C-alpha atoms as a PDB file:
ATOM      1  CA  MET A   1       0.156  -0.002  -0.009  1.00  0.00           C
ATOM      2  CA  ASN A   2       1.247   3.382  -1.111  1.00  0.00           C
ATOM      3  CA  SER A   3      -0.554   5.885   1.251  1.00  0.00           C
ATOM      4  CA  PRO A   4       0.844   9.375   2.432  1.00  0.00           C
ATOM      5  CA  ILE A   5       0.472   8.374   6.015  1.00  0.00           C
ATOM      6  CA  ALA A   6       2.904   5.525   5.440  1.00  0.00           C
ATOM      7  CA  HIS A   7       5.396   7.785   3.845  1.00  0.00           C
ATOM      8  CA  ALA A   8       4.882  10.396   6.857  1.00  0.00           C
ATOM      9  CA  SER A   9       5.989   7.726   9.457  1.00  0.00           C
ATOM     10  CA  ALA A  10       9.333   7.565   7.605  1.00  0.00           C
ATOM     11  CA  SER A  11      10.239  10.995   8.975  1.00  0.00           C
ATOM     12  CA  PRO A  12       9.199  12.247  12.369  1.00  0.00           C
ATOM     13  CA  LEU A  13       7.068  15.391  12.316  1.00  0.00           C
ATOM     14  CA  LEU A  14       8.439  18.590  13.460  1.00  0.00           C
ATOM     15  CA  THR A  15       6.940  20.642  16.307  1.00  0.00           C
ATOM     16  CA  VAL A  16       6.735  24.557  16.175  1.00  0.00           C
ATOM     17  CA  GLN A  17       9.818  24.697  18.530  1.00  0.00           C
ATOM     18  CA  GLU A  18      11.858  22.491  16.297  1.00  0.00           C
ATOM     19  CA  VAL A  19      11.027  24.603  13.049  1.00  0.00           C
ATOM     20  CA  ALA A  20      11.856  27.616  14.892  1.00  0.00           C
ATOM     21  CA  GLU A  21      15.188  26.419  15.872  1.00  0.00           C
ATOM     22  CA  ARG A  22      16.088  24.965  12.465  1.00  0.00           C
ATOM     23  CA  LEU A  23      15.165  28.333  10.829  1.00  0.00           C
ATOM     24  CA  SER A  24      16.641  30.439  13.667  1.00  0.00           C
ATOM     25  CA  VAL A  25      13.513  32.504  14.127  1.00  0.00           C
ATOM     26  CA  PRO A  26      11.018  32.959  16.982  1.00  0.00           C
ATOM     27  CA  LYS A  27       8.156  30.635  17.344  1.00  0.00           C
ATOM     28  CA  SER A  28       5.812  33.402  16.813  1.00  0.00           C
ATOM     29  CA  TRP A  29       6.979  33.891  13.210  1.00  0.00           C
ATOM     30  CA  VAL A  30       6.515  30.056  12.610  1.00  0.00           C
ATOM     31  CA  TYR A  31       3.006  30.319  13.847  1.00  0.00           C
ATOM     32  CA  ALA A  32       2.338  33.383  11.704  1.00  0.00           C
ATOM     33  CA  LYS A  33       3.756  31.876   8.470  1.00  0.00           C
ATOM     34  CA  ALA A  34       1.930  28.508   8.992  1.00  0.00           C
ATOM     35  CA  GLU A  35      -1.424  30.369   9.570  1.00  0.00           C
ATOM     36  CA  ASP A  36      -0.858  32.383   6.428  1.00  0.00           C
ATOM     37  CA  GLY A  37      -0.278  29.043   4.590  1.00  0.00           C
ATOM     38  CA  GLU A  38       3.273  30.352   3.630  1.00  0.00           C
ATOM     39  CA  LEU A  39       4.912  27.555   5.511  1.00  0.00           C
ATOM     40  CA  PRO A  40       3.532  24.191   5.061  1.00  0.00           C
ATOM     41  CA  SER A  41       1.987  22.522   8.190  1.00  0.00           C
ATOM     42  CA  PHE A  42      -1.182  20.835   9.345  1.00  0.00           C
ATOM     43  CA  LYS A  43      -3.025  20.581  12.651  1.00  0.00           C
ATOM     44  CA  LEU A  44      -3.426  17.555  14.888  1.00  0.00           C
ATOM     45  CA  GLY A  45      -6.232  18.555  17.200  1.00  0.00           C
ATOM     46  CA  HIS A  46      -4.727  21.826  18.455  1.00  0.00           C
ATOM     47  CA  TYR A  47      -1.253  20.945  17.723  1.00  0.00           C
ATOM     48  CA  ARG A  48       0.650  22.315  14.639  1.00  0.00           C
ATOM     49  CA  ARG A  49       3.065  19.976  12.967  1.00  0.00           C
ATOM     50  CA  PHE A  50       5.372  20.122   9.924  1.00  0.00           C
ATOM     51  CA  SER A  51       6.782  17.597   7.690  1.00  0.00           C
ATOM     52  CA  PRO A  52      10.809  17.787   7.476  1.00  0.00           C
ATOM     53  CA  GLU A  53      10.758  17.411   3.817  1.00  0.00           C
ATOM     54  CA  ALA A  54       8.294  20.235   3.272  1.00  0.00           C
ATOM     55  CA  ILE A  55      10.342  22.527   5.402  1.00  0.00           C
ATOM     56  CA  GLU A  56      13.449  21.511   3.249  1.00  0.00           C
ATOM     57  CA  VAL A  57      11.372  22.442   0.019  1.00  0.00           C
ATOM     58  CA  TYR A  58      10.254  25.802   1.669  1.00  0.00           C
ATOM     59  CA  LEU A  59      13.899  26.577   2.575  1.00  0.00           C
ATOM     60  CA  ARG A  60      15.201  25.728  -1.164  1.00  0.00           C
ATOM     61  CA  ARG A  61      12.357  27.916  -2.570  1.00  0.00           C
ATOM     62  CA  GLN A  62      13.389  30.825  -0.278  1.00  0.00           C
ATOM     63  CA  LEU A  63      17.162  30.590  -1.166  1.00  0.00           C
ATOM     64  CA  THR A  64      16.242  30.339  -4.859  1.00  0.00           C
ATOM     65  CA  SER A  65      14.062  33.554  -4.727  1.00  0.00           C
ATOM     66  CA  VAL A  66      16.820  35.171  -2.630  1.00  0.00           C
ATOM     67  CA  GLY A  67      19.377  34.172  -5.551  1.00  0.00           C
ATOM     68  CA  ARG A  68      17.001  35.667  -8.187  1.00  0.00           C
ATOM     69  CA  ALA A  69      16.649  39.018  -6.314  1.00  0.00           C
ATOM     70  CA  SER A  70      20.266  39.673  -6.516  1.00  0.00           C
END
């Protein structure tokens, strides 16, 4: 079976705190970007979680857009 849930278990989900630490930003920034839909995330009850792979894609896109602006 090839379900998204089976793939999600391969990488542990990240918390807001862990994403903030990886990006060196405050937790409030992570919450705001997640609420705006700019930072990919989903809710499990009242907890917000992030896929490590989605965060990597977000970072690559940000780095690419910075390179274009130069």
